[in-house]
Amino acid sequence: MYNSVWYKSLNTPILMPPDWIFAPVWIILYLMIFASFWIFLRAKSPIKKSLAIIFFTIQLLLNFIWSTVFFTMTDIQGALVVVIFMWLFIAFTIIEFYRISKLSAYLLIPYMLWVSFALYLNLSFYILNK
């Protein structure tokens, strides 16, 4: 369950966007993420896709886990660890997707950029609220 009292009590980073921006950004990103995966799966390639699918699945699980760790467990440091691993597995996914479908890899770049920003925000929350 989302702990709004806890969240509103936190010191926020300088570049913190307004709360209303997150939902539309994530909707667009999820559409791009799943379009990327769909294009990747349909691409004909002699290269095995299993490693890329594993990386994709791991980064997506980490994406869902992050919200629980940050907002429900109120564990800023734990969420920071999760977002670092998420960033790494998105990078691995992009590299593997690129080998099979450049378009599917390019569609993940905005996601990578947003998670980079999320990493900055999470790190800032950690530093500002230790």
Protein backbone atom coordinates (compact mmCIF):
# COMPACT_ATOMS: atom_id res chain seq x y z
CA MET A 1 0.00 0.00 0.00
CA TYR A 2 1.27 3.46 -0.97
CA ASN A 3 2.36 5.48 2.06
CA SER A 4 1.47 9.04 1.03
CA VAL A 5 2.13 10.53 4.47
CA TRP A 6 5.68 9.17 4.43
CA TYR A 7 6.27 10.23 0.81
CA LYS A 8 5.01 13.79 1.40
CA SER A 9 7.31 14.11 4.42
CA LEU A 10 10.44 13.51 2.32
CA ASN A 11 12.86 16.21 1.25
CA THR A 12 12.61 16.29 -2.55
CA PRO A 13 15.30 16.64 -5.21
CA ILE A 14 15.76 19.93 -7.04
CA LEU A 15 14.68 18.46 -10.40
CA MET A 16 11.62 16.68 -9.00
CA PRO A 17 8.82 16.87 -11.57
CA PRO A 18 5.21 17.40 -10.50
CA ASP A 19 3.38 14.21 -9.48
CA TRP A 20 0.88 14.43 -12.37
CA ILE A 21 3.67 13.90 -14.96
CA PHE A 22 4.49 10.33 -13.90
CA ALA A 23 1.31 8.58 -15.08
CA PRO A 24 1.34 9.89 -18.69
CA VAL A 25 5.08 9.32 -19.02
CA TRP A 26 4.80 5.73 -17.79
CA ILE A 27 1.82 5.01 -20.05
CA ILE A 28 3.82 6.14 -23.08
CA LEU A 29 6.91 4.25 -21.93
CA TYR A 30 5.01 1.01 -21.30
CA LEU A 31 3.48 1.24 -24.78
CA MET A 32 6.97 1.67 -26.22
CA ILE A 33 8.40 -1.14 -24.07
CA PHE A 34 5.77 -3.62 -25.18
CA ALA A 35 5.94 -2.45 -28.81
CA SER A 36 9.68 -3.03 -28.63
CA PHE A 37 9.19 -6.52 -27.24
CA TRP A 38 6.53 -7.38 -29.82
CA ILE A 39 8.78 -6.20 -32.69
CA PHE A 40 11.69 -8.12 -31.20
CA LEU A 41 9.68 -11.35 -30.90
CA ARG A 42 8.45 -11.08 -34.50
CA ALA A 43 11.89 -10.35 -35.94
CA LYS A 44 13.34 -13.15 -38.01
CA SER A 45 16.89 -13.82 -36.96
CA PRO A 46 19.32 -16.72 -36.82
CA ILE A 47 20.48 -15.38 -33.43
CA LYS A 48 18.90 -17.02 -30.39
CA LYS A 49 16.53 -14.74 -28.52
CA SER A 50 16.52 -16.48 -25.14
CA LEU A 51 19.14 -14.30 -23.40
CA ALA A 52 17.39 -11.11 -24.54
CA ILE A 53 14.05 -12.44 -23.29
CA ILE A 54 15.61 -13.26 -19.92
CA PHE A 55 17.10 -9.75 -19.66
CA PHE A 56 13.79 -8.18 -20.71
CA THR A 57 11.87 -10.19 -18.11
CA ILE A 58 14.33 -9.34 -15.33
CA GLN A 59 14.26 -5.60 -16.02
CA LEU A 60 10.46 -5.64 -16.15
CA LEU A 61 10.24 -7.50 -12.83
CA LEU A 62 12.68 -5.01 -11.29
CA ASN A 63 10.50 -2.19 -12.64
CA PHE A 64 7.48 -3.55 -10.75
CA ILE A 65 9.51 -4.38 -7.64
CA TRP A 66 10.90 -0.84 -7.40
CA SER A 67 7.49 0.71 -6.64
CA THR A 68 6.84 -1.80 -3.87
CA VAL A 69 10.24 -1.28 -2.28
CA PHE A 70 10.09 2.53 -2.47
CA PHE A 71 6.42 3.32 -1.79
CA THR A 72 5.15 0.34 0.22
CA MET A 73 8.23 -0.71 2.14
CA THR A 74 9.45 2.94 2.31
CA ASP A 75 12.98 1.67 1.75
CA ILE A 76 14.81 4.36 -0.23
CA GLN A 77 18.17 2.58 -0.10
CA GLY A 78 16.66 -0.75 -1.17
CA ALA A 79 14.84 0.98 -4.02
CA LEU A 80 18.14 2.55 -5.08
CA VAL A 81 19.71 -0.90 -5.36
CA VAL A 82 16.70 -2.10 -7.39
CA VAL A 83 16.83 0.86 -9.80
CA ILE A 84 20.57 0.39 -10.36
CA PHE A 85 20.01 -3.24 -11.33
CA MET A 86 16.99 -2.23 -13.43
CA TRP A 87 19.17 0.27 -15.31
CA LEU A 88 21.81 -2.41 -15.94
CA PHE A 89 19.28 -4.94 -17.20
CA ILE A 90 17.66 -2.36 -19.48
CA ALA A 91 21.14 -1.73 -20.93
CA PHE A 92 21.68 -5.49 -21.38
CA THR A 93 18.25 -5.76 -23.02
CA ILE A 94 18.98 -2.92 -25.44
CA ILE A 95 22.29 -4.51 -26.42
CA GLU A 96 20.68 -7.91 -27.01
CA PHE A 97 17.66 -6.48 -28.82
CA TYR A 98 19.97 -4.44 -31.08
CA ARG A 99 21.61 -7.65 -32.32
CA ILE A 100 18.22 -8.84 -33.62
CA SER A 101 16.15 -5.70 -34.24
CA LYS A 102 17.56 -2.20 -34.17
CA LEU A 103 14.07 -0.69 -34.02
CA SER A 104 13.18 -2.69 -30.91
CA ALA A 105 16.40 -1.47 -29.27
CA TYR A 106 15.77 2.16 -30.23
CA LEU A 107 12.26 2.02 -28.76
CA LEU A 108 13.81 1.27 -25.36
CA ILE A 109 16.06 4.35 -25.33
CA PRO A 110 13.42 6.74 -23.89
CA TYR A 111 12.78 4.15 -21.16
CA MET A 112 16.51 4.00 -20.41
CA LEU A 113 16.64 7.80 -20.21
CA TRP A 114 13.63 7.96 -17.88
CA VAL A 115 15.08 5.25 -15.62
CA SER A 116 18.36 7.21 -15.60
CA PHE A 117 16.36 10.18 -14.34
CA ALA A 118 14.58 7.92 -11.82
CA LEU A 119 17.99 6.74 -10.62
CA TYR A 120 19.00 10.39 -10.08
CA LEU A 121 15.74 11.02 -8.17
CA ASN A 122 16.13 7.90 -6.04
CA LEU A 123 19.76 8.72 -5.23
CA SER A 124 18.75 12.30 -4.38
CA PHE A 125 15.95 11.09 -2.10
CA TYR A 126 18.48 8.83 -0.38
CA ILE A 127 21.03 11.62 0.12
CA LEU A 128 18.45 14.20 1.21
CA ASN A 129 16.63 11.91 3.64
CA LYS A 130 19.32 9.79 5.36
